[in-house]
Amino acid sequence: MPAAALKPPPTQSTSTRAVPLDLPYEPVQKRPLPPGRPRDWYVTHNRRLKAMRLAIALLDSGVFVPDQARDEKIRSTARLIGVHPPSDTTCHMVRALMRYAR
């Protein structure tokens, strides 16, 4: 049998079309944070978690390049998944996560 006959048929890429989010969005079970850390640590930790959730939601909706993730798009995605509107710093962090995940 020729090698070309063994190749599976090509699958449709999701990069050309947006994939709808699976709603309703259900966050994971929250656990208490470790006590005794400086307040700055908690702020940064929660900001990173929020940026990660938003980056995952953007990737699920078909935004794969950081240049496509403008502040308005990130904030509309936050509204869609039920997260408070992110600050400019968090939006920057979302784009950085998308950039370094490649």
PDB file of N, CA and C in Angstrom:
ATOM      1  N   MET A   1       0.849  -1.168   0.000  1.00  0.00           N
ATOM      2  CA  MET A   1       0.000   0.000   0.000  1.00  0.00           C
ATOM      3  C   MET A   1       0.903   1.242   0.000  1.00  0.00           C
ATOM      4  N   PRO A   2       0.637   2.242  -0.859  1.00  0.00           N
ATOM      5  CA  PRO A   2       1.476   3.446  -0.882  1.00  0.00           C
ATOM      6  C   PRO A   2       1.325   4.252   0.407  1.00  0.00           C
ATOM      7  N   ALA A   3       2.377   4.997   0.727  1.00  0.00           N
ATOM      8  CA  ALA A   3       2.380   5.772   1.966  1.00  0.00           C
ATOM      9  C   ALA A   3       1.280   6.833   1.976  1.00  0.00           C
ATOM     10  N   ALA A   4       0.936   7.358   0.816  1.00  0.00           N
ATOM     11  CA  ALA A   4      -0.107   8.388   0.753  1.00  0.00           C
ATOM     12  C   ALA A   4      -1.461   7.831   1.161  1.00  0.00           C
ATOM     13  N   ALA A   5      -1.681   6.562   0.956  1.00  0.00           N
ATOM     14  CA  ALA A   5      -2.961   5.956   1.313  1.00  0.00           C
ATOM     15  C   ALA A   5      -3.089   5.780   2.823  1.00  0.00           C
ATOM     16  N   LEU A   6      -1.980   5.774   3.547  1.00  0.00           N
ATOM     17  CA  LEU A   6      -2.020   5.578   4.996  1.00  0.00           C
ATOM     18  C   LEU A   6      -2.245   6.879   5.764  1.00  0.00           C
ATOM     19  N   LYS A   7      -2.117   8.022   5.083  1.00  0.00           N
ATOM     20  CA  LYS A   7      -2.291   9.302   5.778  1.00  0.00           C
ATOM     21  C   LYS A   7      -3.761   9.504   6.131  1.00  0.00           C
ATOM     22  N   PRO A   8      -4.039   9.924   7.352  1.00  0.00           N
ATOM     23  CA  PRO A   8      -5.431  10.201   7.718  1.00  0.00           C
ATOM     24  C   PRO A   8      -5.913  11.456   6.995  1.00  0.00           C
ATOM     25  N   PRO A   9      -7.212  11.586   6.810  1.00  0.00           N
ATOM     26  CA  PRO A   9      -7.722  12.784   6.140  1.00  0.00           C
ATOM     27  C   PRO A   9      -7.426  14.023   6.984  1.00  0.00           C
ATOM     28  N   PRO A  10      -7.201  15.166   6.347  1.00  0.00           N
ATOM     29  CA  PRO A  10      -6.875  16.367   7.125  1.00  0.00           C
ATOM     30  C   PRO A  10      -8.058  16.796   7.982  1.00  0.00           C
ATOM     31  N   THR A  11      -7.745  17.292   9.163  1.00  0.00           N
ATOM     32  CA  THR A  11      -8.797  17.789  10.047  1.00  0.00           C
ATOM     33  C   THR A  11      -8.976  19.275   9.815  1.00  0.00           C
ATOM     34  N   GLN A  12     -10.141  19.775  10.133  1.00  0.00           N
ATOM     35  CA  GLN A  12     -10.399  21.193   9.937  1.00  0.00           C
ATOM     36  C   GLN A  12      -9.756  21.989  11.066  1.00  0.00           C
ATOM     37  N   SER A  13      -8.985  22.977  10.697  1.00  0.00           N
ATOM     38  CA  SER A  13      -8.311  23.811  11.683  1.00  0.00           C
ATOM     39  C   SER A  13      -9.289  24.805  12.285  1.00  0.00           C
ATOM     40  N   THR A  14      -9.139  25.049  13.576  1.00  0.00           N
ATOM     41  CA  THR A  14     -10.004  26.032  14.227  1.00  0.00           C
ATOM     42  C   THR A  14      -9.411  27.429  14.147  1.00  0.00           C
ATOM     43  N   SER A  15      -8.235  27.566  13.557  1.00  0.00           N
ATOM     44  CA  SER A  15      -7.613  28.884  13.497  1.00  0.00           C
ATOM     45  C   SER A  15      -8.301  29.800  12.495  1.00  0.00           C
ATOM     46  N   THR A  16      -9.052  29.247  11.556  1.00  0.00           N
ATOM     47  CA  THR A  16      -9.721  30.084  10.562  1.00  0.00           C
ATOM     48  C   THR A  16     -11.102  30.521  11.016  1.00  0.00           C
ATOM     49  N   ARG A  17     -11.615  29.934  12.071  1.00  0.00           N
ATOM     50  CA  ARG A  17     -12.943  30.320  12.554  1.00  0.00           C
ATOM     51  C   ARG A  17     -12.932  30.310  14.077  1.00  0.00           C
ATOM     52  N   ALA A  18     -13.784  31.112  14.654  1.00  0.00           N
ATOM     53  CA  ALA A  18     -13.861  31.195  16.110  1.00  0.00           C
ATOM     54  C   ALA A  18     -14.631  30.001  16.672  1.00  0.00           C
ATOM     55  N   VAL A  19     -14.182  29.509  17.794  1.00  0.00           N
ATOM     56  CA  VAL A  19     -14.853  28.408  18.468  1.00  0.00           C
ATOM     57  C   VAL A  19     -15.624  28.988  19.644  1.00  0.00           C
ATOM     58  N   PRO A  20     -16.931  28.739  19.726  1.00  0.00           N
ATOM     59  CA  PRO A  20     -17.688  29.302  20.846  1.00  0.00           C
ATOM     60  C   PRO A  20     -17.249  28.688  22.177  1.00  0.00           C
ATOM     61  N   LEU A  21     -17.291  29.514  23.206  1.00  0.00           N
ATOM     62  CA  LEU A  21     -16.941  29.030  24.541  1.00  0.00           C
ATOM     63  C   LEU A  21     -18.018  28.073  25.030  1.00  0.00           C
ATOM     64  N   ASP A  22     -17.593  27.102  25.807  1.00  0.00           N
ATOM     65  CA  ASP A  22     -18.556  26.201  26.430  1.00  0.00           C
ATOM     66  C   ASP A  22     -19.165  26.928  27.614  1.00  0.00           C
ATOM     67  N   LEU A  23     -20.390  27.336  27.487  1.00  0.00           N
ATOM     68  CA  LEU A  23     -21.064  28.047  28.577  1.00  0.00           C
ATOM     69  C   LEU A  23     -22.060  27.120  29.228  1.00  0.00           C
ATOM     70  N   PRO A  24     -22.413  27.204  30.444  1.00  0.00           N
ATOM     71  CA  PRO A  24     -21.956  28.226  31.371  1.00  0.00           C
ATOM     72  C   PRO A  24     -20.554  27.925  31.884  1.00  0.00           C
ATOM     73  N   TYR A  25     -19.791  28.984  32.031  1.00  0.00           N
ATOM     74  CA  TYR A  25     -18.438  28.886  32.558  1.00  0.00           C
ATOM     75  C   TYR A  25     -18.516  28.568  34.037  1.00  0.00           C
ATOM     76  N   GLU A  26     -17.839  27.537  34.448  1.00  0.00           N
ATOM     77  CA  GLU A  26     -17.872  27.144  35.855  1.00  0.00           C
ATOM     78  C   GLU A  26     -16.455  27.167  36.411  1.00  0.00           C
ATOM     79  N   PRO A  27     -16.140  28.131  37.289  1.00  0.00           N
ATOM     80  CA  PRO A  27     -14.774  28.205  37.816  1.00  0.00           C
ATOM     81  C   PRO A  27     -14.450  27.008  38.701  1.00  0.00           C
ATOM     82  N   VAL A  28     -13.160  26.752  38.825  1.00  0.00           N
ATOM     83  CA  VAL A  28     -12.728  25.633  39.660  1.00  0.00           C
ATOM     84  C   VAL A  28     -12.957  25.975  41.123  1.00  0.00           C
ATOM     85  N   GLN A  29     -12.978  24.960  41.947  1.00  0.00           N
ATOM     86  CA  GLN A  29     -13.179  25.132  43.389  1.00  0.00           C
ATOM     87  C   GLN A  29     -12.047  25.969  43.965  1.00  0.00           C
ATOM     88  N   LYS A  30     -12.402  27.024  44.691  1.00  0.00           N
ATOM     89  CA  LYS A  30     -11.384  27.900  45.269  1.00  0.00           C
ATOM     90  C   LYS A  30     -10.857  27.305  46.567  1.00  0.00           C
ATOM     91  N   ARG A  31      -9.559  27.483  46.782  1.00  0.00           N
ATOM     92  CA  ARG A  31      -8.925  27.042  48.010  1.00  0.00           C
ATOM     93  C   ARG A  31      -8.359  28.257  48.720  1.00  0.00           C
ATOM     94  N   PRO A  32      -8.272  28.242  50.030  1.00  0.00           N
ATOM     95  CA  PRO A  32      -7.701  29.399  50.727  1.00  0.00           C
ATOM     96  C   PRO A  32      -6.221  29.559  50.396  1.00  0.00           C
ATOM     97  N   LEU A  33      -5.811  30.820  50.295  1.00  0.00           N
ATOM     98  CA  LEU A  33      -4.405  31.104  50.022  1.00  0.00           C
ATOM     99  C   LEU A  33      -3.593  30.948  51.309  1.00  0.00           C
ATOM    100  N   PRO A  34      -2.302  30.670  51.184  1.00  0.00           N
ATOM    101  CA  PRO A  34      -1.480  30.486  52.376  1.00  0.00           C
ATOM    102  C   PRO A  34      -1.375  31.782  53.174  1.00  0.00           C
ATOM    103  N   PRO A  35      -1.517  31.702  54.490  1.00  0.00           N
ATOM    104  CA  PRO A  35      -1.452  32.919  55.316  1.00  0.00           C
ATOM    105  C   PRO A  35      -0.012  33.381  55.529  1.00  0.00           C
ATOM    106  N   GLY A  36       0.109  34.643  55.929  1.00  0.00           N
ATOM    107  CA  GLY A  36       1.405  35.158  56.336  1.00  0.00           C
ATOM    108  C   GLY A  36       2.237  35.781  55.242  1.00  0.00           C
ATOM    109  N   ARG A  37       1.733  35.889  54.035  1.00  0.00           N
ATOM    110  CA  ARG A  37       2.495  36.514  52.952  1.00  0.00           C
ATOM    111  C   ARG A  37       2.210  38.018  52.928  1.00  0.00           C
ATOM    112  N   PRO A  38       3.096  38.802  52.326  1.00  0.00           N
ATOM    113  CA  PRO A  38       2.824  40.232  52.198  1.00  0.00           C
ATOM    114  C   PRO A  38       1.647  40.472  51.250  1.00  0.00           C
ATOM    115  N   ARG A  39       0.924  41.569  51.454  1.00  0.00           N
ATOM    116  CA  ARG A  39      -0.257  41.874  50.644  1.00  0.00           C
ATOM    117  C   ARG A  39       0.078  41.901  49.145  1.00  0.00           C
ATOM    118  N   ASP A  40       1.232  42.407  48.798  1.00  0.00           N
ATOM    119  CA  ASP A  40       1.653  42.470  47.397  1.00  0.00           C
ATOM    120  C   ASP A  40       1.646  41.095  46.737  1.00  0.00           C
ATOM    121  N   TRP A  41       2.022  40.079  47.480  1.00  0.00           N
ATOM    122  CA  TRP A  41       2.057  38.731  46.947  1.00  0.00           C
ATOM    123  C   TRP A  41       0.658  38.275  46.549  1.00  0.00           C
ATOM    124  N   TYR A  42      -0.340  38.552  47.397  1.00  0.00           N
ATOM    125  CA  TYR A  42      -1.715  38.147  47.119  1.00  0.00           C
ATOM    126  C   TYR A  42      -2.271  38.879  45.900  1.00  0.00           C
ATOM    127  N   VAL A  43      -1.970  40.171  45.790  1.00  0.00           N
ATOM    128  CA  VAL A  43      -2.439  40.956  44.641  1.00  0.00           C
ATOM    129  C   VAL A  43      -1.857  40.392  43.353  1.00  0.00           C
ATOM    130  N   THR A  44      -0.557  40.141  43.351  1.00  0.00           N
ATOM    131  CA  THR A  44       0.101  39.600  42.162  1.00  0.00           C
ATOM    132  C   THR A  44      -0.415  38.205  41.834  1.00  0.00           C
ATOM    133  N   HIS A  45      -0.595  37.386  42.840  1.00  0.00           N
ATOM    134  CA  HIS A  45      -1.080  36.018  42.634  1.00  0.00           C
ATOM    135  C   HIS A  45      -2.468  36.024  41.985  1.00  0.00           C
ATOM    136  N   ASN A  46      -3.370  36.831  42.536  1.00  0.00           N
ATOM    137  CA  ASN A  46      -4.722  36.891  41.991  1.00  0.00           C
ATOM    138  C   ASN A  46      -4.731  37.486  40.586  1.00  0.00           C
ATOM    139  N   ARG A  47      -3.858  38.451  40.322  1.00  0.00           N
ATOM    140  CA  ARG A  47      -3.767  39.025  38.982  1.00  0.00           C
ATOM    141  C   ARG A  47      -3.293  37.983  37.976  1.00  0.00           C
ATOM    142  N   ARG A  48      -2.326  37.168  38.376  1.00  0.00           N
ATOM    143  CA  ARG A  48      -1.836  36.108  37.474  1.00  0.00           C
ATOM    144  C   ARG A  48      -2.927  35.083  37.184  1.00  0.00           C
ATOM    145  N   LEU A  49      -3.692  34.710  38.213  1.00  0.00           N
ATOM    146  CA  LEU A  49      -4.782  33.760  38.001  1.00  0.00           C
ATOM    147  C   LEU A  49      -5.824  34.319  37.041  1.00  0.00           C
ATOM    148  N   LYS A  50      -6.174  35.580  37.215  1.00  0.00           N
ATOM    149  CA  LYS A  50      -7.153  36.222  36.350  1.00  0.00           C
ATOM    150  C   LYS A  50      -6.634  36.299  34.914  1.00  0.00           C
ATOM    151  N   ALA A  51      -5.363  36.667  34.747  1.00  0.00           N
ATOM    152  CA  ALA A  51      -4.769  36.738  33.418  1.00  0.00           C
ATOM    153  C   ALA A  51      -4.750  35.369  32.753  1.00  0.00           C
ATOM    154  N   MET A  52      -4.484  34.334  33.540  1.00  0.00           N
ATOM    155  CA  MET A  52      -4.469  32.985  32.985  1.00  0.00           C
ATOM    156  C   MET A  52      -5.864  32.558  32.531  1.00  0.00           C
ATOM    157  N   ARG A  53      -6.878  32.852  33.353  1.00  0.00           N
ATOM    158  CA  ARG A  53      -8.256  32.516  32.964  1.00  0.00           C
ATOM    159  C   ARG A  53      -8.648  33.234  31.682  1.00  0.00           C
ATOM    160  N   LEU A  54      -8.291  34.504  31.593  1.00  0.00           N
ATOM    161  CA  LEU A  54      -8.641  35.280  30.404  1.00  0.00           C
ATOM    162  C   LEU A  54      -7.882  34.786  29.175  1.00  0.00           C
ATOM    163  N   ALA A  55      -6.615  34.446  29.327  1.00  0.00           N
ATOM    164  CA  ALA A  55      -5.840  33.939  28.195  1.00  0.00           C
ATOM    165  C   ALA A  55      -6.421  32.624  27.687  1.00  0.00           C
ATOM    166  N   ILE A  56      -6.829  31.757  28.587  1.00  0.00           N
ATOM    167  CA  ILE A  56      -7.439  30.483  28.187  1.00  0.00           C
ATOM    168  C   ILE A  56      -8.754  30.722  27.467  1.00  0.00           C
ATOM    169  N   ALA A  57      -9.574  31.640  27.990  1.00  0.00           N
ATOM    170  CA  ALA A  57     -10.856  31.941  27.351  1.00  0.00           C
ATOM    171  C   ALA A  57     -10.645  32.543  25.961  1.00  0.00           C
ATOM    172  N   LEU A  58      -9.639  33.403  25.814  1.00  0.00           N
ATOM    173  CA  LEU A  58      -9.352  33.975  24.499  1.00  0.00           C
ATOM    174  C   LEU A  58      -8.884  32.907  23.519  1.00  0.00           C
ATOM    175  N   LEU A  59      -8.022  32.025  23.982  1.00  0.00           N
ATOM    176  CA  LEU A  59      -7.559  30.935  23.112  1.00  0.00           C
ATOM    177  C   LEU A  59      -8.721  30.040  22.707  1.00  0.00           C
ATOM    178  N   ASP A  60      -9.629  29.766  23.639  1.00  0.00           N
ATOM    179  CA  ASP A  60     -10.802  28.946  23.324  1.00  0.00           C
ATOM    180  C   ASP A  60     -11.724  29.632  22.314  1.00  0.00           C
ATOM    181  N   SER A  61     -11.732  30.968  22.307  1.00  0.00           N
ATOM    182  CA  SER A  61     -12.618  31.686  21.393  1.00  0.00           C
ATOM    183  C   SER A  61     -11.974  31.967  20.042  1.00  0.00           C
ATOM    184  N   GLY A  62     -10.725  31.548  19.843  1.00  0.00           N
ATOM    185  CA  GLY A  62     -10.099  31.684  18.536  1.00  0.00           C
ATOM    186  C   GLY A  62      -9.103  32.817  18.421  1.00  0.00           C
ATOM    187  N   VAL A  63      -8.760  33.472  19.510  1.00  0.00           N
ATOM    188  CA  VAL A  63      -7.749  34.533  19.488  1.00  0.00           C
ATOM    189  C   VAL A  63      -6.422  33.877  19.855  1.00  0.00           C
ATOM    190  N   PHE A  64      -5.557  33.689  18.858  1.00  0.00           N
ATOM    191  CA  PHE A  64      -4.321  32.951  19.086  1.00  0.00           C
ATOM    192  C   PHE A  64      -3.078  33.831  19.113  1.00  0.00           C
ATOM    193  N   VAL A  65      -3.193  35.057  18.618  1.00  0.00           N
ATOM    194  CA  VAL A  65      -2.037  35.944  18.514  1.00  0.00           C
ATOM    195  C   VAL A  65      -2.235  37.120  19.473  1.00  0.00           C
ATOM    196  N   PRO A  66      -1.207  37.498  20.229  1.00  0.00           N
ATOM    197  CA  PRO A  66      -1.365  38.604  21.172  1.00  0.00           C
ATOM    198  C   PRO A  66      -1.812  39.911  20.522  1.00  0.00           C
ATOM    199  N   ASP A  67      -1.436  40.130  19.259  1.00  0.00           N
ATOM    200  CA  ASP A  67      -1.843  41.355  18.568  1.00  0.00           C
ATOM    201  C   ASP A  67      -3.349  41.420  18.358  1.00  0.00           C
ATOM    202  N   GLN A  68      -4.017  40.264  18.329  1.00  0.00           N
ATOM    203  CA  GLN A  68      -5.472  40.236  18.181  1.00  0.00           C
ATOM    204  C   GLN A  68      -6.176  40.542  19.503  1.00  0.00           C
ATOM    205  N   ALA A  69      -5.457  40.415  20.605  1.00  0.00           N
ATOM    206  CA  ALA A  69      -6.058  40.586  21.937  1.00  0.00           C
ATOM    207  C   ALA A  69      -5.902  42.024  22.394  1.00  0.00           C
ATOM    208  N   ARG A  70      -6.725  42.890  21.866  1.00  0.00           N
ATOM    209  CA  ARG A  70      -6.731  44.285  22.307  1.00  0.00           C
ATOM    210  C   ARG A  70      -7.449  44.369  23.655  1.00  0.00           C
ATOM    211  N   ASP A  71      -7.275  45.482  24.353  1.00  0.00           N
ATOM    212  CA  ASP A  71      -7.895  45.649  25.668  1.00  0.00           C
ATOM    213  C   ASP A  71      -9.413  45.450  25.616  1.00  0.00           C
ATOM    214  N   GLU A  72     -10.054  45.978  24.569  1.00  0.00           N
ATOM    215  CA  GLU A  72     -11.512  45.851  24.448  1.00  0.00           C
ATOM    216  C   GLU A  72     -11.923  44.386  24.328  1.00  0.00           C
ATOM    217  N   LYS A  73     -11.161  43.616  23.553  1.00  0.00           N
ATOM    218  CA  LYS A  73     -11.463  42.189  23.362  1.00  0.00           C
ATOM    219  C   LYS A  73     -11.289  41.425  24.681  1.00  0.00           C
ATOM    220  N   ILE A  74     -10.235  41.750  25.407  1.00  0.00           N
ATOM    221  CA  ILE A  74      -9.984  41.081  26.684  1.00  0.00           C
ATOM    222  C   ILE A  74     -11.093  41.411  27.677  1.00  0.00           C
ATOM    223  N   ARG A  75     -11.499  42.681  27.712  1.00  0.00           N
ATOM    224  CA  ARG A  75     -12.549  43.089  28.651  1.00  0.00           C
ATOM    225  C   ARG A  75     -13.909  42.514  28.274  1.00  0.00           C
ATOM    226  N   SER A  76     -14.194  42.392  26.984  1.00  0.00           N
ATOM    227  CA  SER A  76     -15.473  41.773  26.583  1.00  0.00           C
ATOM    228  C   SER A  76     -15.476  40.283  26.905  1.00  0.00           C
ATOM    229  N   THR A  77     -14.324  39.631  26.784  1.00  0.00           N
ATOM    230  CA  THR A  77     -14.213  38.218  27.164  1.00  0.00           C
ATOM    231  C   THR A  77     -14.394  38.061  28.668  1.00  0.00           C
ATOM    232  N   ALA A  78     -13.862  39.001  29.438  1.00  0.00           N
ATOM    233  CA  ALA A  78     -14.031  38.959  30.896  1.00  0.00           C
ATOM    234  C   ALA A  78     -15.509  39.057  31.255  1.00  0.00           C
ATOM    235  N   ARG A  79     -16.236  39.957  30.567  1.00  0.00           N
ATOM    236  CA  ARG A  79     -17.682  40.068  30.807  1.00  0.00           C
ATOM    237  C   ARG A  79     -18.385  38.762  30.457  1.00  0.00           C
ATOM    238  N   LEU A  80     -17.959  38.138  29.352  1.00  0.00           N
ATOM    239  CA  LEU A  80     -18.583  36.900  28.885  1.00  0.00           C
ATOM    240  C   LEU A  80     -18.421  35.761  29.885  1.00  0.00           C
ATOM    241  N   ILE A  81     -17.248  35.654  30.495  1.00  0.00           N
ATOM    242  CA  ILE A  81     -17.018  34.542  31.426  1.00  0.00           C
ATOM    243  C   ILE A  81     -17.323  34.911  32.871  1.00  0.00           C
ATOM    244  N   GLY A  82     -17.741  36.156  33.110  1.00  0.00           N
ATOM    245  CA  GLY A  82     -18.163  36.546  34.448  1.00  0.00           C
ATOM    246  C   GLY A  82     -17.042  36.952  35.380  1.00  0.00           C
ATOM    247  N   VAL A  83     -16.002  37.570  34.829  1.00  0.00           N
ATOM    248  CA  VAL A  83     -14.868  38.033  35.617  1.00  0.00           C
ATOM    249  C   VAL A  83     -14.917  39.557  35.629  1.00  0.00           C
ATOM    250  N   HIS A  84     -14.517  40.174  36.733  1.00  0.00           N
ATOM    251  CA  HIS A  84     -14.483  41.635  36.804  1.00  0.00           C
ATOM    252  C   HIS A  84     -13.582  42.184  35.701  1.00  0.00           C
ATOM    253  N   PRO A  85     -13.894  43.370  35.178  1.00  0.00           N
ATOM    254  CA  PRO A  85     -13.073  43.939  34.102  1.00  0.00           C
ATOM    255  C   PRO A  85     -11.612  44.068  34.529  1.00  0.00           C
ATOM    256  N   PRO A  86     -10.694  43.600  33.701  1.00  0.00           N
ATOM    257  CA  PRO A  86      -9.280  43.647  34.075  1.00  0.00           C
ATOM    258  C   PRO A  86      -8.693  45.046  33.896  1.00  0.00           C
ATOM    259  N   SER A  87      -7.650  45.320  34.645  1.00  0.00           N
ATOM    260  CA  SER A  87      -6.935  46.589  34.527  1.00  0.00           C
ATOM    261  C   SER A  87      -6.027  46.532  33.302  1.00  0.00           C
ATOM    262  N   ASP A  88      -5.409  47.668  32.995  1.00  0.00           N
ATOM    263  CA  ASP A  88      -4.460  47.707  31.876  1.00  0.00           C
ATOM    264  C   ASP A  88      -3.279  46.775  32.131  1.00  0.00           C
ATOM    265  N   THR A  89      -2.858  46.699  33.394  1.00  0.00           N
ATOM    266  CA  THR A  89      -1.742  45.813  33.754  1.00  0.00           C
ATOM    267  C   THR A  89      -2.105  44.354  33.509  1.00  0.00           C
ATOM    268  N   THR A  90      -3.327  43.975  33.875  1.00  0.00           N
ATOM    269  CA  THR A  90      -3.767  42.594  33.662  1.00  0.00           C
ATOM    270  C   THR A  90      -3.893  42.295  32.175  1.00  0.00           C
ATOM    271  N   CYS A  91      -4.394  43.245  31.391  1.00  0.00           N
ATOM    272  CA  CYS A  91      -4.491  43.056  29.939  1.00  0.00           C
ATOM    273  C   CYS A  91      -3.101  42.836  29.338  1.00  0.00           C
ATOM    274  N   HIS A  92      -2.134  43.602  29.814  1.00  0.00           N
ATOM    275  CA  HIS A  92      -0.756  43.432  29.351  1.00  0.00           C
ATOM    276  C   HIS A  92      -0.240  42.041  29.710  1.00  0.00           C
ATOM    277  N   MET A  93      -0.593  41.578  30.902  1.00  0.00           N
ATOM    278  CA  MET A  93      -0.163  40.258  31.362  1.00  0.00           C
ATOM    279  C   MET A  93      -0.797  39.144  30.525  1.00  0.00           C
ATOM    280  N   VAL A  94      -2.059  39.335  30.118  1.00  0.00           N
ATOM    281  CA  VAL A  94      -2.735  38.347  29.262  1.00  0.00           C
ATOM    282  C   VAL A  94      -1.978  38.211  27.949  1.00  0.00           C
ATOM    283  N   ARG A  95      -1.640  39.349  27.332  1.00  0.00           N
ATOM    284  CA  ARG A  95      -0.900  39.299  26.065  1.00  0.00           C
ATOM    285  C   ARG A  95       0.482  38.661  26.251  1.00  0.00           C
ATOM    286  N   ALA A  96       1.107  38.932  27.378  1.00  0.00           N
ATOM    287  CA  ALA A  96       2.418  38.327  27.643  1.00  0.00           C
ATOM    288  C   ALA A  96       2.290  36.816  27.786  1.00  0.00           C
ATOM    289  N   LEU A  97       1.244  36.357  28.447  1.00  0.00           N
ATOM    290  CA  LEU A  97       1.036  34.901  28.580  1.00  0.00           C
ATOM    291  C   LEU A  97       0.823  34.257  27.210  1.00  0.00           C
ATOM    292  N   MET A  98       0.049  34.923  26.367  1.00  0.00           N
ATOM    293  CA  MET A  98      -0.192  34.378  25.021  1.00  0.00           C
ATOM    294  C   MET A  98       1.090  34.383  24.195  1.00  0.00           C
ATOM    295  N   ARG A  99       1.910  35.376  24.394  1.00  0.00           N
ATOM    296  CA  ARG A  99       3.167  35.490  23.630  1.00  0.00           C
ATOM    297  C   ARG A  99       4.158  34.394  24.018  1.00  0.00           C
ATOM    298  N   TYR A 100       4.287  34.127  25.316  1.00  0.00           N
ATOM    299  CA  TYR A 100       5.290  33.181  25.773  1.00  0.00           C
ATOM    300  C   TYR A 100       4.805  31.749  25.765  1.00  0.00           C
ATOM    301  N   ALA A 101       3.544  31.532  25.482  1.00  0.00           N
ATOM    302  CA  ALA A 101       3.019  30.163  25.420  1.00  0.00           C
ATOM    303  C   ALA A 101       3.342  29.517  24.074  1.00  0.00           C
ATOM    304  N   ARG A 102       3.811  30.300  23.142  1.00  0.00           N
ATOM    305  CA  ARG A 102       4.080  29.786  21.783  1.00  0.00           C
ATOM    306  C   ARG A 102       5.334  28.984  21.731  1.00  0.00           C
TER     307      ARG A 102
END
